[in-house]
């Protein structure tokens, strides 16, 4: 493993080549966000007010 190994990134730089280990840039895929938006907790029902008699 080192400069003579064409499978490593260091070897690719030494041989002045590109490949799977050392791609030539390009657009990177955007990381997918959450599949479904997270729903907020349901609101608590309103409290009933009682009147004093």
C-alpha atoms as a PDB file:
ATOM      1  CA  UNK A   1       0.000   0.000   0.000  1.00  0.00           C
ATOM      2  CA  UNK A   2       1.551   3.237  -1.060  1.00  0.00           C
ATOM      3  CA  UNK A   3       2.684   5.060  -4.135  1.00  0.00           C
ATOM      4  CA  UNK A   4       2.988   1.928  -6.260  1.00  0.00           C
ATOM      5  CA  UNK A   5      -0.512   0.700  -5.424  1.00  0.00           C
ATOM      6  CA  UNK A   6      -2.884   1.873  -8.145  1.00  0.00           C
ATOM      7  CA  UNK A   7      -5.892   1.018  -5.972  1.00  0.00           C
ATOM      8  CA  UNK A   8      -5.190   3.740  -3.408  1.00  0.00           C
ATOM      9  CA  UNK A   9      -5.673   7.463  -3.743  1.00  0.00           C
ATOM     10  CA  UNK A  10      -1.949   8.010  -3.141  1.00  0.00           C
ATOM     11  CA  UNK A  11      -1.089   5.584  -5.948  1.00  0.00           C
ATOM     12  CA  UNK A  12      -3.508   7.305  -8.293  1.00  0.00           C
ATOM     13  CA  UNK A  13      -1.803  10.648  -7.596  1.00  0.00           C
ATOM     14  CA  UNK A  14       1.613   9.094  -8.203  1.00  0.00           C
ATOM     15  CA  UNK A  15       0.534   7.578 -11.533  1.00  0.00           C
ATOM     16  CA  UNK A  16      -1.325  10.812 -12.415  1.00  0.00           C
ATOM     17  CA  UNK A  17      -4.538   8.951 -13.101  1.00  0.00           C
ATOM     18  CA  UNK A  18      -8.092   9.054 -11.880  1.00  0.00           C
ATOM     19  CA  UNK A  19     -10.546   6.310 -11.147  1.00  0.00           C
ATOM     20  CA  UNK A  20     -13.039   4.980  -8.633  1.00  0.00           C
ATOM     21  CA  UNK A  21     -10.708   5.754  -5.751  1.00  0.00           C
ATOM     22  CA  UNK A  22      -9.950   9.258  -7.043  1.00  0.00           C
ATOM     23  CA  UNK A  23     -12.826  10.594  -9.142  1.00  0.00           C
ATOM     24  CA  UNK A  24     -12.452  13.764 -11.205  1.00  0.00           C
ATOM     25  CA  UNK A  25     -14.907  15.813  -9.156  1.00  0.00           C
ATOM     26  CA  UNK A  26     -18.282  16.467 -10.709  1.00  0.00           C
ATOM     27  CA  UNK A  27     -21.517  17.066  -8.892  1.00  0.00           C
ATOM     28  CA  UNK A  28     -22.009  15.273  -5.634  1.00  0.00           C
ATOM     29  CA  UNK A  29     -25.395  13.819  -4.883  1.00  0.00           C
ATOM     30  CA  UNK A  30     -27.372  15.807  -2.367  1.00  0.00           C
ATOM     31  CA  UNK A  31     -28.111  13.887   0.777  1.00  0.00           C
ATOM     32  CA  UNK A  32     -31.810  13.058   0.947  1.00  0.00           C
ATOM     33  CA  UNK A  33     -33.691  14.774   3.712  1.00  0.00           C
ATOM     34  CA  UNK A  34     -36.261  13.117   5.921  1.00  0.00           C
ATOM     35  CA  UNK A  35     -38.726  11.076   3.880  1.00  0.00           C
ATOM     36  CA  UNK A  36     -41.767  12.503   5.640  1.00  0.00           C
ATOM     37  CA  UNK A  37     -41.990  15.795   7.490  1.00  0.00           C
ATOM     38  CA  UNK A  38     -42.140  15.277  11.217  1.00  0.00           C
ATOM     39  CA  UNK A  39     -45.631  16.075  12.468  1.00  0.00           C
ATOM     40  CA  UNK A  40     -45.954  18.249  15.544  1.00  0.00           C
ATOM     41  CA  UNK A  41     -47.612  16.795  18.611  1.00  0.00           C
ATOM     42  CA  UNK A  42     -51.402  17.162  18.457  1.00  0.00           C
ATOM     43  CA  UNK A  43     -52.720  20.162  20.317  1.00  0.00           C
ATOM     44  CA  UNK A  44     -54.362  19.488  23.666  1.00  0.00           C
ATOM     45  CA  UNK A  45     -58.145  19.980  23.665  1.00  0.00           C
ATOM     46  CA  UNK A  46     -59.373  23.214  25.181  1.00  0.00           C
ATOM     47  CA  UNK A  47     -60.300  22.995  28.846  1.00  0.00           C
ATOM     48  CA  UNK A  48     -63.938  23.429  29.722  1.00  0.00           C
ATOM     49  CA  UNK A  49     -64.667  26.311  32.007  1.00  0.00           C
ATOM     50  CA  UNK A  50     -67.156  25.760  34.786  1.00  0.00           C
ATOM     51  CA  UNK A  51     -69.313  28.468  36.246  1.00  0.00           C
ATOM     52  CA  UNK A  52     -69.879  28.696  39.969  1.00  0.00           C
ATOM     53  CA  UNK A  53     -73.472  28.472  41.081  1.00  0.00           C
END
